[in-house]
Protein backbone atom coordinates (compact mmCIF):
# COMPACT_ATOMS: atom_id res chain seq x y z
CA MET A 1 94.99 102.77 50.99
CA ALA A 2 92.14 104.94 49.33
CA ARG A 3 90.75 107.71 51.38
CA SER A 4 87.12 107.69 52.32
CA CYS A 5 84.44 110.43 51.65
CA PRO A 6 83.61 112.26 54.76
CA VAL A 7 79.95 112.61 53.76
CA CYS A 8 79.01 109.31 51.96
CA PRO A 9 79.28 106.07 54.14
CA SER A 10 82.12 103.72 53.16
CA GLN A 11 82.69 105.38 49.92
CA PRO A 12 86.42 105.45 48.74
CA LEU A 13 87.66 108.68 46.91
CA ASN A 14 89.15 108.55 43.55
CA VAL A 15 92.40 110.42 42.71
CA VAL A 16 91.74 112.73 39.81
CA GLN A 17 94.54 114.83 38.06
CA ALA A 18 93.42 118.45 37.85
CA SER A 19 96.19 120.63 36.26
CA ASP A 20 99.24 119.66 38.08
CA VAL A 21 97.30 118.81 41.34
CA GLU A 22 96.04 115.25 42.23
CA VAL A 23 92.53 115.81 43.88
CA ASP A 24 90.54 113.31 45.80
CA VAL A 25 86.94 113.19 44.50
CA CYS A 26 83.94 111.26 45.73
CA PRO A 27 82.25 109.49 42.79
CA ARG A 28 78.93 109.44 44.63
CA CYS A 29 78.49 112.99 45.87
CA ASP A 30 81.12 114.85 43.67
CA GLY A 31 82.78 116.38 46.80
CA MET A 32 86.45 117.25 46.52
CA TYR A 33 89.26 116.88 49.12
CA PHE A 34 92.45 118.99 48.97
CA ASP A 35 95.49 118.51 51.09
CA ARG A 36 97.22 121.44 52.71
CA GLY A 37 98.25 124.04 50.03
CA GLU A 38 96.58 122.19 47.14
CA LEU A 39 93.70 124.55 46.63
CA GLU A 40 95.95 127.47 46.42
CA ARG A 41 97.72 125.96 43.51
CA PHE A 42 94.76 126.84 41.40
CA PRO A 43 95.33 130.54 40.43
CA ASP A 44 91.68 131.58 40.21
CA ARG A 45 90.85 129.91 43.73
CA PRO A 46 91.47 131.94 46.97
CA SER A 47 93.54 131.02 49.96
CA LEU A 48 91.47 129.68 52.73
CA LYS A 49 94.22 130.68 55.42
CA PRO A 50 92.32 133.53 56.73
CA LEU A 51 89.64 131.02 57.89
CA VAL A 52 91.98 128.90 59.97
CA ASN A 53 91.48 130.84 63.32
CA ALA A 54 87.66 130.82 63.03
CA ALA A 55 87.83 126.95 62.24
CA LYS A 56 89.56 126.43 65.53
CA GLN A 57 86.35 127.54 67.23
CA ALA A 58 83.78 126.34 64.77
CA ALA A 59 81.35 123.70 65.03
CA SER A 60 81.44 120.48 62.87
CA ARG A 61 78.45 119.07 60.91
CA CYS A 62 76.88 115.77 61.50
CA ARG A 63 77.77 113.08 58.93
CA LYS A 64 74.29 111.48 59.54
CA GLY A 65 71.99 114.42 59.26
CA GLY A 66 73.94 117.53 58.52
CA HIS A 67 73.24 119.11 61.97
CA LEU A 68 75.88 121.32 63.75
CA ILE A 69 77.72 119.74 66.39
CA PRO A 70 79.72 122.18 68.79
CA ARG A 71 83.29 121.29 69.30
CA ALA A 72 82.51 120.21 72.93
CA ARG A 73 80.21 117.46 71.97
CA ALA A 74 81.42 114.00 70.56
CA LEU A 75 78.09 113.33 68.97
CA CYS A 76 75.07 115.07 67.38
CA ALA A 77 72.53 116.12 69.93
CA THR A 78 69.75 115.67 67.31
CA CYS A 79 70.50 112.29 65.74
CA ASP A 80 73.60 110.80 67.62
CA GLY A 81 75.47 111.09 64.22
CA GLU A 82 79.17 111.41 64.33
CA PRO A 83 80.97 114.77 62.93
CA VAL A 84 82.48 114.53 59.54
CA GLY A 85 86.06 113.45 59.50
CA CYS A 86 88.97 114.61 57.58
CA PRO A 87 89.79 112.17 54.65
CA GLY A 88 93.46 113.02 55.24
CA CYS A 89 94.05 112.52 58.95
CA GLY A 90 90.66 111.50 60.44
CA ALA A 91 90.34 114.54 62.65
CA ARG A 92 86.93 116.12 62.87
CA LEU A 93 86.25 118.91 60.37
CA ALA A 94 85.23 122.57 61.02
CA LEU A 95 82.46 124.12 59.09
CA VAL A 96 83.31 127.72 58.27
CA ASN A 97 81.71 130.36 56.18
CA ALA A 98 83.76 131.54 53.18
CA ARG A 99 81.22 134.32 52.19
CA VAL A 100 80.35 132.54 48.89
CA CYS A 101 79.78 129.09 50.45
CA ASN A 102 80.52 126.99 53.48
CA VAL A 103 83.76 124.91 53.54
CA ASP A 104 84.92 122.03 55.88
CA LEU A 105 88.53 122.76 57.11
CA CYS A 106 90.73 120.46 59.12
CA THR A 107 92.76 122.36 61.76
CA HIS A 108 95.01 119.36 62.35
CA CYS A 109 96.42 118.69 58.97
CA GLY A 110 95.36 121.68 57.00
CA GLY A 111 93.05 119.70 54.45
CA THR A 112 89.94 121.21 52.95
CA TRP A 113 86.74 119.42 51.93
CA LEU A 114 84.40 121.00 49.33
CA ASP A 115 80.89 119.66 48.69
CA ALA A 116 79.72 119.44 45.01
CA GLY A 117 79.54 122.89 43.28
CA LYS A 118 81.87 124.65 45.93
CA PHE A 119 84.97 124.58 44.06
CA GLU A 120 83.18 126.43 41.24
CA ALA A 121 81.67 128.86 43.79
CA LEU A 122 85.14 129.76 45.05
CA GLU A 123 86.25 130.83 41.64
CA ASN A 124 87.73 134.36 41.82
CA ALA A 125 86.10 134.68 45.26
CA THR A 126 87.64 136.93 47.97
CA VAL A 127 87.97 135.26 51.46
CA THR A 128 88.60 137.40 54.56
CA ALA A 129 88.73 136.54 58.18
CA PRO A 130 85.36 136.67 59.84
CA LYS A 131 84.66 139.05 62.87
CA ALA A 132 86.01 137.35 65.94
CA ALA A 133 83.23 136.05 68.34
CA PRO A 134 83.39 137.02 71.84
CA VAL A 135 85.59 134.75 73.96
CA ALA A 136 83.63 132.54 76.28
CA LYS A 137 84.49 132.94 79.92
CA GLY A 138 84.70 129.78 81.86
CA TRP A 139 81.92 127.12 81.36
CA GLU A 140 78.94 127.73 79.05
CA VAL A 141 76.97 125.34 81.28
CA ALA A 142 74.22 125.53 83.87
CA PRO A 143 74.95 124.68 87.52
CA ALA A 144 75.35 120.98 88.37
CA THR A 145 72.94 119.20 90.77
CA ASP A 146 73.33 116.95 93.70
CA GLY A 147 72.33 113.39 93.32
CA GLY A 148 73.60 112.40 89.91
CA ALA A 149 71.31 114.04 87.37
CA ASP A 150 73.44 116.54 85.65
CA PRO A 151 71.84 119.53 83.64
CA TRP A 152 74.91 120.91 82.52
CA LYS A 153 74.84 121.73 78.88
CA ALA A 154 77.81 121.63 76.55
CA PRO A 155 78.24 124.86 74.45
CA GLY A 156 75.32 124.82 71.99
CA ALA A 157 73.58 121.84 73.38
CA THR A 158 69.87 121.73 73.86
CA ALA A 159 69.48 118.70 76.16
CA ALA A 160 70.91 118.01 79.57
CA LEU A 161 74.01 115.68 80.03
CA PRO A 162 73.62 112.28 81.42
CA PRO A 163 74.99 111.79 85.11
CA SER A 164 78.66 112.41 85.30
CA ASP A 165 79.69 110.06 88.12
CA SER A 166 81.38 107.35 85.92
CA PRO A 167 83.72 107.48 82.94
CA THR A 168 80.88 106.46 80.60
CA GLY A 169 78.68 109.43 81.67
CA GLY A 170 76.58 107.44 84.05
CA LEU A 171 73.55 105.03 83.81
CA GLY A 172 75.15 103.30 80.77
CA VAL A 173 75.02 106.40 78.61
CA ARG A 174 78.15 107.58 76.87
CA SER A 175 79.29 111.08 77.75
CA PRO A 176 78.47 113.58 74.97
CA LEU A 177 81.51 115.68 75.94
CA ALA A 178 84.85 115.10 74.15
CA CYS A 179 88.31 116.69 74.40
CA VAL A 180 88.94 118.97 71.49
CA GLN A 181 92.61 118.06 71.49
CA CYS A 182 92.40 114.33 71.34
CA GLY A 183 88.79 113.49 71.02
CA ILE A 184 88.51 111.26 74.09
CA GLN A 185 85.16 111.33 75.71
CA VAL A 186 85.11 112.70 79.21
CA SER A 187 82.32 112.96 81.91
CA VAL A 188 81.58 116.47 83.13
CA VAL A 189 83.62 116.18 86.40
CA HIS A 190 86.82 114.96 84.47
CA ALA A 191 86.42 117.70 81.92
CA HIS A 192 88.30 121.25 81.85
CA ALA A 193 86.83 124.29 80.07
CA PHE A 194 88.83 126.94 78.40
CA ASN A 195 87.69 129.69 76.09
CA GLY A 196 84.46 127.76 75.09
CA ASP A 197 86.25 124.56 74.46
CA LEU A 198 86.44 121.30 76.57
CA TYR A 199 89.63 119.25 77.39
CA CYS A 200 90.60 116.15 79.20
CA GLY A 201 92.87 116.31 82.04
CA GLU A 202 95.92 115.36 80.02
CA HIS A 203 95.48 118.22 77.49
CA ARG A 204 93.90 121.01 79.63
CA PRO A 205 95.51 124.40 79.11
CA LYS A 206 96.72 126.55 81.82
CA GLY A 207 93.79 128.43 83.40
CA ALA A 208 91.17 125.92 82.41
CA VAL A 209 88.15 125.50 84.76
CA SER A 210 87.55 121.90 86.10
CA GLY A 211 84.05 120.65 85.96
CA ALA A 212 84.56 119.12 89.46
CA SER A 213 85.14 122.68 90.88
CA LEU A 214 81.65 124.05 89.69
CA PRO A 215 78.99 124.82 92.32
CA ARG A 216 76.33 122.18 93.00
CA SER A 217 72.66 122.75 94.09
CA ARG A 218 69.97 120.39 95.34
CA ASP A 219 66.88 120.07 93.00
CA PRO A 220 64.86 116.83 93.35
CA SER A 221 63.08 117.48 90.09
CA THR A 222 66.33 116.93 88.19
CA LEU A 223 66.90 113.50 89.61
CA PRO A 224 66.71 110.65 86.85
CA SER A 225 63.84 108.30 86.54
CA PHE A 226 64.86 104.77 86.45
CA ASP A 227 63.21 102.56 83.74
CA ALA A 228 64.40 99.05 82.76
CA SER A 229 63.66 99.94 79.11
CA ASP A 230 66.50 102.53 79.32
CA GLY A 231 69.09 99.73 79.66
CA VAL A 232 70.34 100.91 83.02
CA ASP A 233 73.99 99.73 83.85
CA LEU A 234 74.06 98.09 87.23
CA ALA A 235 77.61 99.32 88.03
CA ASP A 236 76.67 103.01 87.25
CA LEU A 237 73.55 102.69 89.34
CA VAL A 238 75.27 101.44 92.38
CA ILE A 239 77.92 104.26 92.07
CA TRP A 240 75.01 106.83 91.77
CA LEU A 241 73.33 105.42 94.80
CA PHE A 242 76.44 105.42 96.78
CA ARG A 243 77.15 109.16 95.89
CA LEU A 244 73.64 110.02 96.67
CA LEU A 245 73.65 108.33 100.06
CA LYS A 246 77.02 109.81 100.93
CA ARG A 247 75.55 113.38 100.74
C-alpha cells in the first residue's frame, strides 16, 4: 500500500531510487520522506539524531494551514486542521529547526519528512542539538471556573477550552486536548500534565498533575452563552446544569 503525503491531501507517494536508498517522494509538492537511518546513508547529509530530544517537546504544523499546533492540542486552534502525520506510521510529526531549515521528525518511528528544497539545503550542513528550553512545571493553564465554562488554556493556545464535564469536551464540542502518548482526546478533568505535555489516565507518568485536582474559582462572566445555532448537545447541557445546581 502506497504511503500518503503528509502535506497534500490524498496524494500517494512515489518510491524513487536515489543511490542505494528507496526514497518516498510526493509528485505534487516534491517533498521527500526518509525512514529511520535512510537520510544518514547519504554521505553529504547530516544526521538529525541531535534533534530527537527537541522533537519530543516540539509543536506540529497544521496540515490545513501550516499553523503551529502545540503537542497538547489535537487540532489547530486557528483553523481546526489536523497536525501533519508521519507517512511511515501515522503518528504526528514534530517541526524542529535544523539551523539551515525546518524538518519534520517522527519521534515514534524515527522517520523524517523534508519539504521541497530542504534535502538540498541540508547538503554539508552541520546539525547540533538546540539549547534546552526551560522545563514547564505542572500545568501551563489558567485556573478553572465553577459552572462548566472552562478558561484553561492548553500550552500555546490562544482560546479558552470548551466545558470539560463530558468526554466530548462539553456542549457537543470536541475537546482540543489530546494525550501525547496515544493521541486520544481527553477533557481537562480527565487529563494529566507533566513537563508541559498532556496525557490520558492510562499513560500518565509518575508525578503528573491531574486536571481534576486544580483549583476552581467562581466567575459568572466565564459562563457559556447558549445559542441554538451553536448546535448544543442536549446530554451535555443536562450534565452541565446538574453540576451547576449541585454547587
